[in-house]
Amino acid sequence: MHSIARFIPASFVVLWATGFIGARYAMPWAEPFTFLAIRFVLAAILFAGLTVLLGSRGATHEEALHATVAGVLMHGVYLGGVFWAIHRGMPAGLSALIVGLQPLITAVLAGKFLGEAILPRHWAGLAVGLLGVVIVLWPKLGMIGGGVTAATLTASLVSVLGMAAGTIWQKRFASGGDLVSATMWQYVGGSVVTILGSLAFETRTLTVNGELVFAMAWLVLVLSVGAIFLLMVMIRDGEMSKVASLFYLVPAVTAVIAWALFGEELNALQIVGMAIATLGVGLATARQNRAQPTRARASR
């Protein structure tokens, strides 16, 4: 099991980076809150089925409540804000750059609410990782246009705060129960937010075609089931500042996938940025010594 666990961070980064594939195919055919609401409901149903098939322990009322709150923040607020901003014209590159602030925000919150000790080299790693993200995304920033408004910027910033707060909440209050049951309740929370957003702001119309069906299947199975479950395992077993630093690698992996599948530009500057981001993650996840425990206490 330990040998398998070593591959979890890399697997998570690759799976999470493929999320842009679904978003790219889905956005022309569905409004963001409506699409996400359907996605989260399907994911909740899948995890409910898994709890039965696997004989998972059901969540207590307290565990279900905390997992639901984490889902509201991690899924409803985070993805809802990102999808809404991009749907309103926010360039994906700028949105990804704002989302790149998440590891730093998470590290600050982890120090305050989880009592995690973050060493100077870890702070240096977070800063270097952010620099790498900026370099990778720099060519995309030239495409900034009319979609950058106070509303889309606010939505992007709120989404980052939602993800950071949600992972901290998950670590502090919702990591002790069964992961399958907890993830199901997370999607219940995400569904509530996006359903309300759909009812309040959208017409709830869909153009059902092959691209939309593919996007929905990909995001539900690969992201909502695969990547999120790996994230929950890492949150349970690792320090939040180190887990969050992995998000610095996502833009680099996304750029490689976009180059391979869609022929998007991948230049030498971006490759240098990938190397810098990888170095930053290495610094941020380095242990002080071999005796240092890898699992932080959820509360102190």
Protein backbone atom coordinates (compact mmCIF):
# COMPACT_ATOMS: atom_id res chain seq x y z
CA MET A 1 0.00 0.00 0.00
CA HIS A 2 2.86 2.36 0.77
CA SER A 3 4.31 1.86 -2.72
CA ILE A 4 0.92 2.66 -4.26
CA ALA A 5 0.51 5.74 -2.05
CA ARG A 6 3.67 7.23 -3.56
CA PHE A 7 1.87 7.60 -6.89
CA ILE A 8 -1.19 9.36 -5.45
CA PRO A 9 0.14 12.96 -5.71
CA ALA A 10 1.27 12.58 -9.34
CA SER A 11 -1.95 10.78 -10.29
CA PHE A 12 -4.02 13.54 -8.67
CA VAL A 13 -2.17 16.31 -10.54
CA VAL A 14 -2.64 14.61 -13.91
CA LEU A 15 -6.32 13.85 -13.33
CA TRP A 16 -7.04 17.34 -11.97
CA ALA A 17 -5.30 18.94 -14.94
CA THR A 18 -7.62 17.14 -17.36
CA GLY A 19 -10.55 19.10 -15.96
CA PHE A 20 -10.05 21.76 -18.62
CA ILE A 21 -10.99 19.17 -21.25
CA GLY A 22 -14.50 18.83 -19.86
CA ALA A 23 -14.86 22.57 -19.29
CA ARG A 24 -13.68 23.32 -22.82
CA TYR A 25 -16.24 20.96 -24.36
CA ALA A 26 -19.12 21.78 -22.01
CA MET A 27 -19.24 25.57 -21.77
CA PRO A 28 -20.63 26.24 -25.27
CA TRP A 29 -23.56 23.89 -24.62
CA ALA A 30 -24.60 24.49 -21.00
CA GLU A 31 -24.80 27.25 -18.43
CA PRO A 32 -22.21 26.83 -15.65
CA PHE A 33 -24.41 26.36 -12.58
CA THR A 34 -26.81 24.08 -14.42
CA PHE A 35 -23.96 21.93 -15.73
CA LEU A 36 -22.27 21.72 -12.33
CA ALA A 37 -25.54 20.94 -10.56
CA ILE A 38 -26.14 17.93 -12.83
CA ARG A 39 -22.51 16.86 -12.42
CA PHE A 40 -22.63 17.01 -8.62
CA VAL A 41 -25.97 15.22 -8.38
CA LEU A 42 -24.64 12.40 -10.58
CA ALA A 43 -21.46 12.21 -8.48
CA ALA A 44 -23.48 12.07 -5.25
CA ILE A 45 -25.58 9.22 -6.66
CA LEU A 46 -22.43 7.35 -7.73
CA PHE A 47 -20.86 7.68 -4.30
CA ALA A 48 -24.12 6.63 -2.64
CA GLY A 49 -24.00 3.48 -4.74
CA LEU A 50 -20.36 2.93 -3.79
CA THR A 51 -21.19 3.15 -0.09
CA VAL A 52 -23.63 0.26 -0.58
CA LEU A 53 -21.34 -1.82 -2.80
CA LEU A 54 -18.32 -1.36 -0.53
CA GLY A 55 -20.27 -1.66 2.71
CA SER A 56 -18.91 1.70 3.84
CA ARG A 57 -19.74 2.99 7.28
CA GLY A 58 -22.44 5.62 7.10
CA ALA A 59 -21.57 9.10 8.28
CA THR A 60 -22.84 10.34 11.61
CA HIS A 61 -24.98 13.49 11.63
CA GLU A 62 -21.96 15.56 12.66
CA GLU A 63 -19.69 13.99 10.02
CA ALA A 64 -22.33 14.51 7.33
CA LEU A 65 -22.76 18.16 8.31
CA HIS A 66 -19.03 18.89 8.22
CA ALA A 67 -18.57 17.07 4.91
CA THR A 68 -21.50 19.01 3.45
CA VAL A 69 -19.96 22.32 4.53
CA ALA A 70 -16.65 21.28 2.95
CA GLY A 71 -18.51 20.41 -0.25
CA VAL A 72 -20.28 23.77 -0.32
CA LEU A 73 -16.86 25.46 -0.22
CA MET A 74 -14.73 23.07 -2.30
CA HIS A 75 -17.24 22.26 -5.02
CA GLY A 76 -20.07 24.78 -4.95
CA VAL A 77 -18.11 27.98 -4.26
CA TYR A 78 -14.82 27.02 -5.93
CA LEU A 79 -16.01 25.42 -9.17
CA GLY A 80 -19.14 27.56 -9.31
CA GLY A 81 -17.03 30.72 -9.17
CA VAL A 82 -14.45 29.51 -11.70
CA PHE A 83 -17.01 28.24 -14.23
CA TRP A 84 -19.20 31.35 -13.87
CA ALA A 85 -16.26 33.72 -14.37
CA ILE A 86 -15.00 31.87 -17.46
CA HIS A 87 -18.54 31.67 -18.86
CA ARG A 88 -18.76 35.46 -18.44
CA GLY A 89 -15.58 35.97 -20.44
CA MET A 90 -12.76 35.73 -17.89
CA PRO A 91 -9.72 34.39 -19.80
CA ALA A 92 -8.85 30.89 -18.63
CA GLY A 93 -5.18 31.88 -18.26
CA LEU A 94 -5.93 34.75 -15.90
CA SER A 95 -8.43 32.62 -13.99
CA ALA A 96 -5.78 29.92 -13.55
CA LEU A 97 -3.29 32.53 -12.34
CA ILE A 98 -5.72 33.76 -9.67
CA VAL A 99 -6.45 30.18 -8.66
CA GLY A 100 -2.67 29.79 -8.34
CA LEU A 101 -2.87 31.86 -5.16
CA GLN A 102 -4.66 28.99 -3.44
CA PRO A 103 -1.58 27.16 -2.05
CA LEU A 104 -0.32 30.33 -0.36
CA ILE A 105 -3.73 31.11 1.12
CA THR A 106 -4.10 27.51 2.27
CA ALA A 107 -0.67 27.58 3.92
CA VAL A 108 -1.60 30.70 5.90
CA LEU A 109 -4.90 29.15 7.00
CA ALA A 110 -3.20 25.84 7.84
CA GLY A 111 -0.78 27.61 10.14
CA LYS A 112 -3.56 29.48 11.91
CA PHE A 113 -6.30 26.84 12.16
CA LEU A 114 -4.43 23.52 11.98
CA GLY A 115 -1.30 24.49 13.88
CA GLU A 116 0.95 23.33 11.04
CA ALA A 117 4.52 24.57 11.31
CA ILE A 118 5.64 25.89 7.93
CA LEU A 119 9.40 26.27 7.66
CA PRO A 120 11.12 29.13 5.76
CA ARG A 121 12.09 26.76 2.95
CA HIS A 122 8.46 25.72 2.61
CA TRP A 123 7.42 29.39 2.27
CA ALA A 124 10.22 29.77 -0.29
CA GLY A 125 8.87 26.74 -2.15
CA LEU A 126 5.38 28.22 -2.25
CA ALA A 127 6.75 31.50 -3.60
CA VAL A 128 8.93 29.75 -6.21
CA GLY A 129 5.97 27.59 -7.24
CA LEU A 130 3.80 30.66 -7.77
CA LEU A 131 6.56 32.20 -9.90
CA GLY A 132 6.61 29.06 -12.01
CA VAL A 133 2.85 29.24 -12.49
CA VAL A 134 3.11 32.88 -13.62
CA ILE A 135 5.77 31.94 -16.18
CA VAL A 136 3.76 29.00 -17.53
CA LEU A 137 0.63 31.13 -17.91
CA TRP A 138 2.37 34.30 -19.12
CA PRO A 139 1.64 33.71 -22.85
CA LYS A 140 -2.05 33.29 -22.01
CA LEU A 141 -2.27 36.65 -20.24
CA GLY A 142 -1.97 38.50 -23.52
CA MET A 143 -5.49 37.35 -24.35
CA ILE A 144 -7.07 39.44 -21.59
CA GLY A 145 -10.15 41.15 -22.94
CA GLY A 146 -13.54 42.51 -21.99
CA GLY A 147 -14.32 39.56 -19.78
CA VAL A 148 -12.17 40.98 -16.98
CA THR A 149 -14.70 42.88 -14.88
CA ALA A 150 -15.21 43.55 -11.20
CA ALA A 151 -17.78 40.73 -11.15
CA THR A 152 -15.56 38.09 -12.80
CA LEU A 153 -12.52 39.08 -10.73
CA THR A 154 -14.59 38.89 -7.55
CA ALA A 155 -15.98 35.49 -8.53
CA SER A 156 -12.45 34.18 -9.20
CA LEU A 157 -11.12 35.46 -5.87
CA VAL A 158 -14.12 34.07 -3.96
CA SER A 159 -13.59 30.69 -5.65
CA VAL A 160 -9.96 30.59 -4.47
CA LEU A 161 -10.96 31.45 -0.91
CA GLY A 162 -13.67 28.78 -1.09
CA MET A 163 -11.22 26.04 -2.11
CA ALA A 164 -8.67 27.05 0.54
CA ALA A 165 -11.29 27.24 3.29
CA GLY A 166 -12.95 24.02 2.15
CA THR A 167 -9.76 21.96 2.28
CA ILE A 168 -8.96 23.36 5.74
CA TRP A 169 -12.51 22.53 6.91
CA GLN A 170 -12.22 19.03 5.49
CA LYS A 171 -8.89 18.47 7.26
CA ARG A 172 -10.00 19.89 10.62
CA PHE A 173 -13.52 18.54 10.92
CA ALA A 174 -14.27 15.87 8.30
CA SER A 175 -11.24 13.61 7.93
CA GLY A 176 -12.07 11.10 10.63
CA GLY A 177 -14.96 9.25 9.00
CA ASP A 178 -15.34 7.01 5.98
CA LEU A 179 -14.00 8.77 2.87
CA VAL A 180 -16.62 7.38 0.50
CA SER A 181 -19.51 8.50 2.69
CA ALA A 182 -17.87 11.88 3.33
CA THR A 183 -17.33 12.50 -0.38
CA MET A 184 -20.97 11.71 -1.09
CA TRP A 185 -22.03 14.37 1.42
CA GLN A 186 -19.57 16.81 -0.11
CA TYR A 187 -21.38 16.52 -3.42
CA VAL A 188 -24.68 17.03 -1.66
CA GLY A 189 -23.29 20.36 -0.43
CA GLY A 190 -21.97 21.27 -3.87
CA SER A 191 -25.32 20.37 -5.42
CA VAL A 192 -27.21 22.71 -3.09
CA VAL A 193 -25.09 25.73 -4.06
CA THR A 194 -25.17 25.10 -7.80
CA ILE A 195 -28.88 24.25 -7.89
CA LEU A 196 -29.64 27.53 -6.11
CA GLY A 197 -27.33 29.36 -8.52
CA SER A 198 -29.02 27.74 -11.49
CA LEU A 199 -32.49 28.66 -10.25
CA ALA A 200 -31.49 32.23 -9.45
CA PHE A 201 -29.34 33.22 -12.42
CA GLU A 202 -29.85 30.84 -15.37
CA THR A 203 -32.43 29.63 -17.86
CA ARG A 204 -31.40 25.96 -17.28
CA THR A 205 -31.29 25.15 -20.98
CA LEU A 206 -28.94 22.49 -22.37
CA THR A 207 -27.88 21.54 -25.88
CA VAL A 208 -27.41 17.80 -25.57
CA ASN A 209 -24.80 16.54 -28.01
CA GLY A 210 -21.73 14.33 -28.06
CA GLU A 211 -19.42 17.01 -26.68
CA LEU A 212 -21.66 17.75 -23.71
CA VAL A 213 -22.17 14.06 -22.91
CA PHE A 214 -18.42 13.44 -23.14
CA ALA A 215 -17.66 16.42 -20.91
CA MET A 216 -20.19 15.33 -18.30
CA ALA A 217 -18.95 11.73 -18.27
CA TRP A 218 -15.32 12.83 -18.06
CA LEU A 219 -15.83 15.33 -15.27
CA VAL A 220 -18.04 13.04 -13.21
CA LEU A 221 -15.94 9.88 -13.50
CA VAL A 222 -12.41 11.24 -13.80
CA LEU A 223 -12.62 14.44 -11.76
CA SER A 224 -15.52 14.11 -9.33
CA VAL A 225 -14.79 10.46 -8.53
CA GLY A 226 -11.12 9.84 -9.32
CA ALA A 227 -9.32 13.11 -8.62
CA ILE A 228 -11.47 14.24 -5.70
CA PHE A 229 -11.15 10.88 -3.94
CA LEU A 230 -7.36 11.07 -4.26
CA LEU A 231 -7.48 14.62 -2.88
CA MET A 232 -9.49 13.43 0.12
CA VAL A 233 -6.90 10.72 0.81
CA MET A 234 -4.08 13.29 0.70
CA ILE A 235 -5.96 15.74 2.92
CA ARG A 236 -6.55 12.96 5.45
CA ASP A 237 -2.94 11.75 5.48
CA GLY A 238 -0.85 14.85 4.76
CA GLU A 239 -0.15 18.40 5.84
CA MET A 240 -2.44 20.89 4.10
CA SER A 241 0.28 23.33 3.02
CA LYS A 242 2.10 20.49 1.25
CA VAL A 243 -1.02 19.06 -0.35
CA ALA A 244 -2.02 22.51 -1.59
CA SER A 245 1.40 23.07 -3.19
CA LEU A 246 0.60 20.29 -5.69
CA PHE A 247 -1.86 22.66 -7.37
CA TYR A 248 1.15 24.60 -8.67
CA LEU A 249 1.86 21.70 -11.04
CA VAL A 250 -1.63 21.72 -12.56
CA PRO A 251 -1.14 24.62 -15.05
CA ALA A 252 2.07 23.02 -16.32
CA VAL A 253 0.45 19.62 -16.85
CA THR A 254 -2.58 21.31 -18.41
CA ALA A 255 -0.33 23.16 -20.86
CA VAL A 256 1.30 19.89 -21.91
CA ILE A 257 -2.08 18.20 -22.41
CA ALA A 258 -3.39 21.19 -24.40
CA TRP A 259 -0.27 21.03 -26.59
CA ALA A 260 -0.67 17.28 -27.17
CA LEU A 261 -4.43 17.23 -27.81
CA PHE A 262 -5.26 20.65 -29.25
CA GLY A 263 -1.98 21.89 -30.66
CA GLU A 264 -1.81 24.87 -28.30
CA GLU A 265 1.50 26.69 -28.10
CA LEU A 266 4.13 25.35 -25.69
CA ASN A 267 7.28 27.44 -25.81
CA ALA A 268 10.67 27.35 -24.09
CA LEU A 269 9.61 29.97 -21.53
CA GLN A 270 6.69 27.80 -20.42
CA ILE A 271 8.96 24.76 -20.10
CA VAL A 272 11.26 26.80 -17.86
CA GLY A 273 8.21 27.80 -15.82
CA MET A 274 7.27 24.13 -15.43
CA ALA A 275 10.72 23.36 -14.08
CA ILE A 276 10.51 26.26 -11.62
CA ALA A 277 7.03 25.22 -10.46
CA THR A 278 8.28 21.66 -9.94
CA LEU A 279 11.23 22.98 -7.91
CA GLY A 280 8.83 25.03 -5.79
CA VAL A 281 6.66 22.01 -5.06
CA GLY A 282 9.77 20.06 -4.12
CA LEU A 283 10.78 22.74 -1.63
CA ALA A 284 7.26 23.11 -0.24
CA THR A 285 6.84 19.37 0.33
CA ALA A 286 10.32 18.71 1.77
CA ARG A 287 10.41 17.31 5.28
CA GLN A 288 12.42 18.90 8.04
CA ASN A 289 13.86 15.51 8.93
CA ARG A 290 12.99 11.87 8.47
CA ALA A 291 11.45 11.65 11.91
CA GLN A 292 8.97 14.40 11.18
CA PRO A 293 5.46 12.92 10.94
CA THR A 294 3.71 13.28 7.61
CA ARG A 295 0.29 13.48 9.10
CA ALA A 296 -0.66 16.67 10.83
CA ARG A 297 -3.13 16.75 13.64
CA ALA A 298 -6.53 17.93 12.52
CA SER A 299 -6.81 20.25 15.48
CA ARG A 300 -4.58 21.41 18.30
